[in-house]
Amino acid sequence: MTPTRQDQRAGCPASGKELVHTPVTEVKHLDHLLQRSFPSFGGGYLRRVFGLLDEAIGKGVPMSVAISGPVTASGQHIAWLNPLLETGWFCLVSTTDAVCYHDGHRSLDDAAEHPFHEVPIFGDDGALRDDRVIRITDVGFDEDVLLNQDRFLSACLLREEFQRSMTGTEMRYRLGRYYAAQESRNGAPEGLLALCHRKAIPIFVGAPADGSIFLNSMKLWALARARGEEYRFNLDLHAEVFESCAYHLWGQRDTSLGALGTLILGGGVPKNFNLQPEPALSQILGFEDVGGYLYDIQITTAPVTDGSLSSCPPAEAVTWGKVDKDAYRSTCESMQADYSTVMPFLTRALLEKRMRFERLEVELGGEELRRRHPEAAGYLRDPAGNRLFERREGLVARLEEELASKVSDLDATNAYPLAGDSA
């Protein structure tokens, strides 16, 4: 029998809440504006993205953030990323080596002589090159900034504490202390690495060789070889990926909801690395009780039809096990936009809501506030955060102990009838 229109509506998961159309003149708060005055089309995407962030934060779900693009060179970390991380809502960061490299520019001793400035996107780049101005989209700065940053990083990497093998998270944690010292000496605003060092937030970089921190390490390695000496710094990528798995297992087992969420801004390697712990644990290491992210909230400019990881929506990630298959229809969203145009608004709206809860806690008391607004508990969680980097040794040791019981089973996954063996 042909289904009726009512039957079709009843079975359609898109038949959700009735749209709200509140005039902008009737809302007082930015979060209410996003919730009530963006009913449809592109605005509807923004409303749903905010709604899911609001929901995940209110439930107390620890979030990871994956961010690509020149967020530190452009100063976006100062504008909205650092205030977002300051809340304690986010437990780890996945980004690029370039983001970590450019994070140090504003703290250099001669930074005042080389300010960042706006340049035209479609101007005369030849003239900029003649003037030794580096351009990143519409941001310009002197080439001397890069050269001085290289000197700073080389001096750091030559310190005795770096002269051994370590994970990239440890390297960036240690660099964060040097960045913070520079910022303090020169009166620069706190950068991304300094903040993550202070809050013990691990920073992962899935492609460490694709950036200037590693280029400077390569220089030191080459100089040591030329002198017949040993350069002992080395990135242990195996341990870094294993560490990411240990944190994911922590989220699945040790958090109140037994789940993690993720905010993905842009795409590329930061997004892919951020999504890899679940398949690494289940597909590669054979764990059977590990799920994907409960919340997957993405903002990317990549069109879904280009076939890239950058454009991959949460639903596609479900097929890989990276996102929870039972909840993704209601806990995931992918918005096609430039995140730099919307994240200042989203961040401010979330922070304004937290500030209202802080005022209400004083007026009502914590117990009454949470009775009226259960989500206040998630918003007002300890801003110290989860401090995962400080817990990494224990979490990694637990994963190693559990893996020991799987050795014989995993050995069987190492055999394959290679064509070359037939000869």
Protein backbone atom coordinates (compact mmCIF):
# COMPACT_ATOMS: atom_id res chain seq x y z
CA MET A 1 0.00 0.00 0.00
CA THR A 2 1.30 3.46 -0.89
CA PRO A 3 2.25 5.38 2.29
CA THR A 4 0.26 8.49 3.06
CA ARG A 5 1.82 11.90 3.56
CA GLN A 6 1.25 11.51 7.31
CA ASP A 7 3.04 8.13 7.27
CA GLN A 8 6.00 9.70 5.50
CA ARG A 9 6.23 12.51 8.02
CA ALA A 10 5.99 10.14 10.97
CA GLY A 11 8.91 8.07 9.72
CA CYS A 12 11.14 10.97 8.80
CA PRO A 13 13.89 11.67 11.36
CA ALA A 14 14.08 15.25 10.08
CA SER A 15 10.62 15.99 11.48
CA GLY A 16 11.93 17.69 14.59
CA LYS A 17 11.00 20.64 16.74
CA GLU A 18 8.75 23.37 15.45
CA LEU A 19 10.72 26.33 14.14
CA VAL A 20 10.87 29.36 16.40
CA HIS A 21 10.73 32.84 14.88
CA THR A 22 11.56 35.46 17.53
CA PRO A 23 12.19 39.04 16.40
CA VAL A 24 15.71 40.19 17.18
CA THR A 25 14.22 43.14 19.06
CA GLU A 26 12.81 40.72 21.66
CA VAL A 27 15.97 38.89 22.68
CA LYS A 28 18.44 40.12 25.29
CA HIS A 29 21.23 37.58 25.12
CA LEU A 30 23.43 36.36 22.28
CA ASP A 31 22.70 32.68 22.99
CA HIS A 32 18.97 33.42 22.83
CA LEU A 33 19.50 35.20 19.51
CA LEU A 34 21.18 32.11 18.09
CA GLN A 35 18.52 29.79 19.48
CA ARG A 36 15.45 31.81 18.54
CA SER A 37 16.21 34.10 15.60
CA PHE A 38 18.06 31.78 13.19
CA PRO A 39 15.19 29.53 12.12
CA SER A 40 16.31 28.18 8.76
CA PHE A 41 18.75 27.81 5.86
CA GLY A 42 22.36 28.74 6.71
CA GLY A 43 21.14 30.35 9.90
CA GLY A 44 19.53 27.05 10.84
CA TYR A 45 22.90 25.35 10.61
CA LEU A 46 24.40 27.96 12.94
CA ARG A 47 21.50 27.48 15.37
CA ARG A 48 21.96 23.71 15.39
CA VAL A 49 25.74 23.98 15.84
CA PHE A 50 25.24 26.27 18.83
CA GLY A 51 22.52 24.02 20.20
CA LEU A 52 24.76 20.96 20.14
CA LEU A 53 27.68 22.80 21.73
CA ASP A 54 25.30 24.08 24.40
CA GLU A 55 23.97 20.56 24.98
CA ALA A 56 27.37 18.86 25.15
CA ILE A 57 28.80 21.50 27.49
CA GLY A 58 25.70 21.42 29.68
CA LYS A 59 25.98 17.65 30.05
CA GLY A 60 29.62 17.94 31.06
CA VAL A 61 30.97 16.01 28.08
CA PRO A 62 34.75 16.56 27.72
CA MET A 63 35.45 17.94 24.25
CA SER A 64 38.42 17.78 21.94
CA VAL A 65 39.02 20.53 19.41
CA ALA A 66 40.64 20.01 16.02
CA ILE A 67 41.63 23.21 14.30
CA SER A 68 43.43 23.82 11.03
CA GLY A 69 44.46 27.05 9.38
CA PRO A 70 46.64 29.92 10.62
CA VAL A 71 44.70 30.49 13.83
CA THR A 72 47.70 31.88 15.75
CA ALA A 73 49.26 33.94 12.97
CA SER A 74 45.89 35.64 12.52
CA GLY A 75 45.46 36.22 16.26
CA GLN A 76 42.28 34.18 16.50
CA HIS A 77 43.66 32.30 19.50
CA ILE A 78 43.72 35.59 21.39
CA ALA A 79 40.27 36.60 20.17
CA TRP A 80 38.27 33.43 20.90
CA LEU A 81 40.19 30.13 21.02
CA ASN A 82 42.05 30.75 24.27
CA PRO A 83 38.92 32.07 26.03
CA LEU A 84 37.15 28.88 24.93
CA LEU A 85 39.94 26.64 26.24
CA GLU A 86 40.12 28.59 29.50
CA THR A 87 36.72 27.23 30.54
CA GLY A 88 37.87 23.66 31.21
CA TRP A 89 35.36 22.29 28.69
CA PHE A 90 38.05 21.05 26.27
CA CYS A 91 40.46 18.26 27.17
CA LEU A 92 42.84 18.15 24.18
CA VAL A 93 43.80 19.96 20.98
CA SER A 94 44.65 18.58 17.52
CA THR A 95 46.26 21.12 15.21
CA THR A 96 49.23 21.79 12.92
CA ASP A 97 52.92 22.41 13.49
CA ALA A 98 52.45 25.81 11.84
CA VAL A 99 49.86 26.84 14.45
CA CYS A 100 52.39 26.03 17.19
CA TYR A 101 55.23 27.78 15.33
CA HIS A 102 53.39 31.06 14.65
CA ASP A 103 52.10 31.10 18.23
CA GLY A 104 55.47 32.40 19.39
CA HIS A 105 55.81 35.47 17.16
CA ARG A 106 54.16 38.05 19.41
CA SER A 107 56.43 37.20 22.35
CA LEU A 108 59.79 37.64 20.61
CA ASP A 109 62.07 40.27 22.11
CA ASP A 110 61.73 42.58 19.10
CA ALA A 111 58.05 41.87 18.43
CA ALA A 112 57.14 45.54 18.92
CA GLU A 113 59.32 46.39 15.93
CA HIS A 114 57.49 43.91 13.71
CA PRO A 115 53.74 44.25 14.29
CA PHE A 116 51.16 42.21 12.42
CA HIS A 117 49.09 44.30 10.04
CA GLU A 118 46.32 43.96 7.47
CA VAL A 119 47.25 43.54 3.81
CA PRO A 120 45.01 43.22 0.73
CA ILE A 121 44.22 39.68 -0.37
CA PHE A 122 44.37 40.63 -4.04
CA GLY A 123 47.16 43.19 -3.86
CA ASP A 124 50.67 43.23 -5.32
CA ASP A 125 52.41 40.23 -3.75
CA GLY A 126 55.56 40.96 -5.73
CA ALA A 127 55.81 44.32 -4.00
CA LEU A 128 55.26 42.65 -0.64
CA ARG A 129 58.09 40.24 -1.41
CA ASP A 130 60.37 43.16 -2.29
CA ASP A 131 59.50 44.70 1.08
CA ARG A 132 60.13 41.34 2.81
CA VAL A 133 56.53 41.13 4.00
CA ILE A 134 55.06 37.68 4.55
CA ARG A 135 51.36 37.38 3.71
CA ILE A 136 48.88 34.88 5.13
CA THR A 137 45.57 35.71 3.44
CA ASP A 138 44.97 39.27 4.75
CA VAL A 139 47.58 39.20 7.53
CA GLY A 140 51.06 40.60 6.90
CA PHE A 141 54.27 40.66 8.95
CA ASP A 142 58.00 41.16 8.45
CA GLU A 143 60.12 38.23 7.29
CA ASP A 144 62.43 38.97 10.23
CA VAL A 145 59.71 37.54 12.48
CA LEU A 146 60.23 34.12 10.91
CA LEU A 147 64.00 34.33 11.17
CA ASN A 148 63.86 35.34 14.82
CA GLN A 149 61.32 32.64 15.59
CA ASP A 150 63.71 30.12 14.02
CA ARG A 151 66.52 31.31 16.29
CA PHE A 152 64.28 31.07 19.33
CA LEU A 153 63.14 27.53 18.52
CA SER A 154 66.66 26.35 17.74
CA ALA A 155 67.83 27.65 21.11
CA CYS A 156 64.96 25.80 22.82
CA LEU A 157 65.54 22.49 21.03
CA LEU A 158 69.24 22.57 21.92
CA ARG A 159 68.44 22.67 25.65
CA GLU A 160 69.36 19.51 27.53
CA GLU A 161 65.74 18.72 28.41
CA PHE A 162 64.98 18.19 24.70
CA GLN A 163 67.95 15.93 24.02
CA ARG A 164 66.09 12.63 23.97
CA SER A 165 63.19 10.90 22.29
CA MET A 166 59.75 12.19 23.32
CA THR A 167 56.21 12.52 22.07
CA GLY A 168 55.13 15.65 20.28
CA THR A 169 52.74 16.39 23.14
CA GLU A 170 55.69 16.53 25.53
CA MET A 171 57.73 18.68 23.17
CA ARG A 172 54.87 21.18 22.83
CA TYR A 173 54.22 21.11 26.57
CA ARG A 174 57.87 21.95 27.22
CA LEU A 175 57.89 24.62 24.50
CA GLY A 176 54.80 26.11 26.12
CA ARG A 177 56.85 26.91 29.22
CA TYR A 178 59.42 28.81 27.12
CA TYR A 179 56.70 30.62 25.19
CA ALA A 180 55.09 31.64 28.49
CA ALA A 181 58.37 32.98 29.83
CA GLN A 182 58.85 35.09 26.69
CA GLU A 183 55.30 36.43 26.94
CA SER A 184 55.80 37.35 30.57
CA ARG A 185 59.11 39.11 29.90
CA ASN A 186 57.81 41.11 26.94
CA GLY A 187 54.26 41.81 28.06
CA ALA A 188 52.72 39.77 25.24
CA PRO A 189 49.26 38.22 25.55
CA GLU A 190 49.18 34.56 26.56
CA GLY A 191 49.49 32.30 23.54
CA LEU A 192 48.06 28.90 22.76
CA LEU A 193 51.03 26.79 23.85
CA ALA A 194 51.46 28.76 27.07
CA LEU A 195 47.79 28.34 27.95
CA CYS A 196 47.86 24.61 27.18
CA HIS A 197 51.00 24.24 29.30
CA ARG A 198 49.32 26.03 32.20
CA LYS A 199 46.18 23.91 31.92
CA ALA A 200 47.99 20.65 31.00
CA ILE A 201 46.02 20.30 27.76
CA PRO A 202 47.81 17.93 25.34
CA ILE A 203 48.45 19.34 21.86
CA PHE A 204 48.63 16.77 19.06
CA VAL A 205 50.07 17.41 15.60
CA GLY A 206 49.41 14.62 13.14
CA ALA A 207 51.90 15.89 10.52
CA PRO A 208 54.81 17.25 12.56
CA ALA A 209 57.25 17.34 9.64
CA ASP A 210 54.94 19.71 7.77
CA GLY A 211 55.92 22.83 9.67
CA SER A 212 58.77 25.06 10.76
CA ILE A 213 59.31 23.72 14.26
CA PHE A 214 60.43 20.45 12.71
CA LEU A 215 62.32 22.29 9.97
CA ASN A 216 64.43 23.88 12.68
CA SER A 217 64.97 20.49 14.26
CA MET A 218 66.07 19.19 10.87
CA LYS A 219 68.64 22.02 10.73
CA LEU A 220 70.05 21.03 14.10
CA TRP A 221 70.16 17.38 13.03
CA ALA A 222 72.00 18.30 9.81
CA LEU A 223 74.50 20.52 11.65
CA ALA A 224 75.24 17.74 14.12
CA ARG A 225 75.87 15.29 11.27
CA ALA A 226 78.17 17.81 9.56
CA ARG A 227 80.21 18.05 12.76
CA GLY A 228 80.20 14.30 13.34
CA GLU A 229 78.14 14.84 16.51
CA GLU A 230 74.91 13.36 17.79
CA TYR A 231 71.62 15.24 17.86
CA ARG A 232 69.49 13.36 20.36
CA PHE A 233 66.10 15.04 20.05
CA ASN A 234 63.60 12.83 18.28
CA LEU A 235 59.83 12.65 18.00
CA ASP A 236 58.34 9.31 19.06
CA LEU A 237 55.27 9.16 16.81
CA HIS A 238 54.34 5.66 17.94
CA ALA A 239 54.10 6.81 21.54
CA GLU A 240 52.18 9.93 20.54
CA VAL A 241 49.48 7.99 18.68
CA PHE A 242 49.33 5.48 21.55
CA GLU A 243 48.88 8.39 23.96
CA SER A 244 45.93 9.67 21.93
CA CYS A 245 44.36 6.20 22.25
CA ALA A 246 44.86 6.26 26.01
CA TYR A 247 43.00 9.57 26.26
CA HIS A 248 40.14 8.26 24.13
CA LEU A 249 39.86 5.20 26.36
CA TRP A 250 39.78 7.53 29.37
CA GLY A 251 36.85 9.39 27.83
CA GLN A 252 34.97 6.14 27.21
CA ARG A 253 35.55 4.69 30.66
CA ASP A 254 36.34 7.34 33.25
CA THR A 255 34.03 10.26 32.47
CA SER A 256 30.56 10.68 33.92
CA LEU A 257 28.77 10.00 30.61
CA GLY A 258 31.37 7.56 29.30
CA ALA A 259 31.76 9.64 26.17
CA LEU A 260 33.71 12.37 24.43
CA GLY A 261 32.66 15.10 22.03
CA THR A 262 34.63 16.94 19.40
CA LEU A 263 34.55 20.36 17.77
CA ILE A 264 36.23 20.27 14.36
CA LEU A 265 37.17 23.59 12.77
CA GLY A 266 38.44 23.22 9.23
CA GLY A 267 39.71 19.84 8.12
CA GLY A 268 42.90 18.19 6.94
CA VAL A 269 45.29 16.31 9.18
CA PRO A 270 44.11 17.88 12.48
CA LYS A 271 40.63 16.53 11.82
CA ASN A 272 41.84 13.11 10.72
CA PHE A 273 44.22 12.66 13.65
CA ASN A 274 41.49 13.75 16.04
CA LEU A 275 39.17 11.03 14.70
CA GLN A 276 41.76 8.22 14.59
CA PRO A 277 41.85 6.93 18.20
CA GLU A 278 38.65 4.86 17.87
CA PRO A 279 39.75 2.89 14.77
CA ALA A 280 43.25 2.61 16.25
CA LEU A 281 41.76 1.00 19.35
CA SER A 282 39.08 -1.16 17.73
CA GLN A 283 40.30 -1.96 14.21
CA ILE A 284 44.05 -2.05 14.86
CA LEU A 285 44.45 -3.01 18.54
CA GLY A 286 41.37 -5.22 18.78
CA PHE A 287 39.43 -3.53 21.61
CA GLU A 288 35.75 -4.44 21.38
CA ASP A 289 34.20 -2.03 23.88
CA VAL A 290 35.31 1.30 22.41
CA GLY A 291 32.94 3.70 20.69
CA GLY A 292 33.32 6.84 18.64
CA TYR A 293 32.58 10.42 19.56
CA LEU A 294 29.13 11.05 20.99
CA TYR A 295 29.12 14.66 19.73
CA ASP A 296 30.73 15.62 16.42
CA ILE A 297 30.27 19.31 15.60
CA GLN A 298 32.05 20.50 12.47
CA ILE A 299 32.52 23.79 10.63
CA THR A 300 34.34 23.45 7.30
CA THR A 301 34.48 25.23 3.96
CA ALA A 302 35.01 21.99 2.01
CA PRO A 303 32.02 20.83 -0.07
CA VAL A 304 30.90 17.31 0.77
CA THR A 305 31.29 16.19 -2.84
CA ASP A 306 35.05 16.78 -3.06
CA GLY A 307 35.80 13.41 -1.48
CA SER A 308 38.30 14.78 1.02
CA LEU A 309 38.55 14.08 4.72
CA SER A 310 38.02 17.81 5.25
CA SER A 311 34.50 17.54 3.86
CA CYS A 312 33.60 14.21 5.48
CA PRO A 313 30.40 14.73 7.56
CA PRO A 314 29.76 12.92 10.84
CA ALA A 315 27.45 10.44 9.12
CA GLU A 316 30.30 9.22 6.93
CA ALA A 317 32.54 8.95 10.00
CA VAL A 318 29.90 6.69 11.56
CA THR A 319 30.70 4.05 8.93
CA TRP A 320 34.30 4.03 10.16
CA GLY A 321 33.27 3.77 13.81
CA LYS A 322 34.68 7.21 14.59
CA VAL A 323 31.28 8.64 15.60
CA ASP A 324 28.55 6.99 17.68
CA LYS A 325 26.18 5.22 15.27
CA ASP A 326 23.22 5.21 17.68
CA ALA A 327 23.21 8.92 18.48
CA TYR A 328 24.68 10.71 15.48
CA ARG A 329 21.32 11.81 14.02
CA SER A 330 20.70 13.98 17.06
CA THR A 331 24.22 14.81 18.31
CA CYS A 332 26.12 15.75 15.16
CA GLU A 333 26.14 18.60 12.67
CA SER A 334 28.43 19.77 9.88
CA MET A 335 28.14 23.38 8.79
CA GLN A 336 29.73 24.64 5.60
CA ALA A 337 31.30 27.93 6.62
CA ASP A 338 34.57 29.67 7.37
CA TYR A 339 34.93 29.08 11.10
CA SER A 340 36.63 32.46 11.55
CA THR A 341 33.31 34.14 10.70
CA VAL A 342 31.21 32.33 13.29
CA MET A 343 33.44 31.16 16.17
CA PRO A 344 33.70 34.60 17.83
CA PHE A 345 29.89 34.70 18.04
CA LEU A 346 29.54 31.08 19.20
CA THR A 347 32.26 31.48 21.80
CA ARG A 348 30.84 34.71 23.15
CA ALA A 349 27.35 33.21 23.36
CA LEU A 350 28.60 30.20 25.34
CA LEU A 351 30.66 32.39 27.67
CA GLU A 352 27.75 34.77 28.23
CA LYS A 353 25.58 31.84 29.26
CA ARG A 354 28.24 30.67 31.69
CA MET A 355 28.48 34.19 33.15
CA ARG A 356 24.70 34.22 33.73
CA PHE A 357 24.97 30.91 35.57
CA GLU A 358 27.78 32.33 37.70
CA ARG A 359 25.57 35.26 38.71
CA LEU A 360 22.61 32.98 39.39
CA GLU A 361 24.76 30.72 41.55
CA VAL A 362 25.48 33.69 43.80
CA GLU A 363 21.80 34.67 43.90
CA LEU A 364 20.21 31.23 44.24
CA GLY A 365 22.93 28.99 45.60
CA GLY A 366 24.42 26.05 43.75
CA GLU A 367 21.79 23.46 44.67
CA GLU A 368 18.82 25.59 43.62
CA LEU A 369 20.57 26.70 40.44
CA ARG A 370 21.17 23.11 39.36
CA ARG A 371 17.60 22.16 40.21
CA ARG A 372 16.27 24.89 37.93
CA HIS A 373 19.02 24.63 35.32
CA PRO A 374 20.65 21.16 35.33
CA GLU A 375 22.97 22.22 32.52
CA ALA A 376 24.62 24.74 34.87
CA ALA A 377 26.68 21.89 36.34
CA GLY A 378 28.39 21.32 32.98
CA TYR A 379 28.85 24.99 32.28
CA LEU A 380 30.31 25.68 35.71
CA ARG A 381 32.59 22.65 35.90
CA ASP A 382 36.04 23.25 37.34
CA PRO A 383 37.87 25.54 34.88
CA ALA A 384 41.08 23.73 35.76
CA GLY A 385 39.79 21.10 33.34
CA ASN A 386 40.86 17.49 33.03
CA ARG A 387 44.62 18.17 32.93
CA LEU A 388 45.15 15.09 30.81
CA PHE A 389 48.83 15.71 30.12
CA GLU A 390 49.59 15.37 33.81
CA ARG A 391 47.72 12.05 33.85
CA ARG A 392 49.19 10.60 30.69
CA GLU A 393 51.70 8.22 32.28
CA GLY A 394 48.99 6.43 34.25
CA LEU A 395 46.57 6.34 31.33
CA VAL A 396 49.21 5.06 28.93
CA ALA A 397 50.32 2.42 31.45
CA ARG A 398 46.73 1.20 31.79
CA LEU A 399 46.38 0.83 28.04
CA GLU A 400 49.70 -1.02 27.85
CA GLU A 401 48.57 -3.40 30.59
CA GLU A 402 45.31 -4.18 28.83
CA LEU A 403 47.07 -4.62 25.51
CA ALA A 404 49.40 -7.23 27.02
CA SER A 405 46.51 -9.70 27.17
CA LYS A 406 45.86 -9.28 23.44
CA VAL A 407 49.35 -9.97 22.16
CA SER A 408 48.70 -13.50 20.89
CA ASP A 409 45.49 -12.46 19.13
CA LEU A 410 47.18 -9.45 17.52
CA ASP A 411 50.09 -11.56 16.32
CA ALA A 412 47.64 -13.32 14.02
CA THR A 413 46.84 -9.99 12.33
CA ASN A 414 50.44 -9.62 11.15
CA ALA A 415 50.37 -12.45 8.59
CA TYR A 416 49.41 -12.05 4.94
CA PRO A 417 50.39 -14.12 1.87
CA LEU A 418 52.60 -11.52 0.21
CA ALA A 419 52.98 -11.90 -3.55
CA GLY A 420 56.73 -11.54 -3.34
CA ASP A 421 56.99 -14.62 -1.11
CA SER A 422 55.75 -16.94 -3.86
CA ALA A 423 59.06 -16.62 -5.68
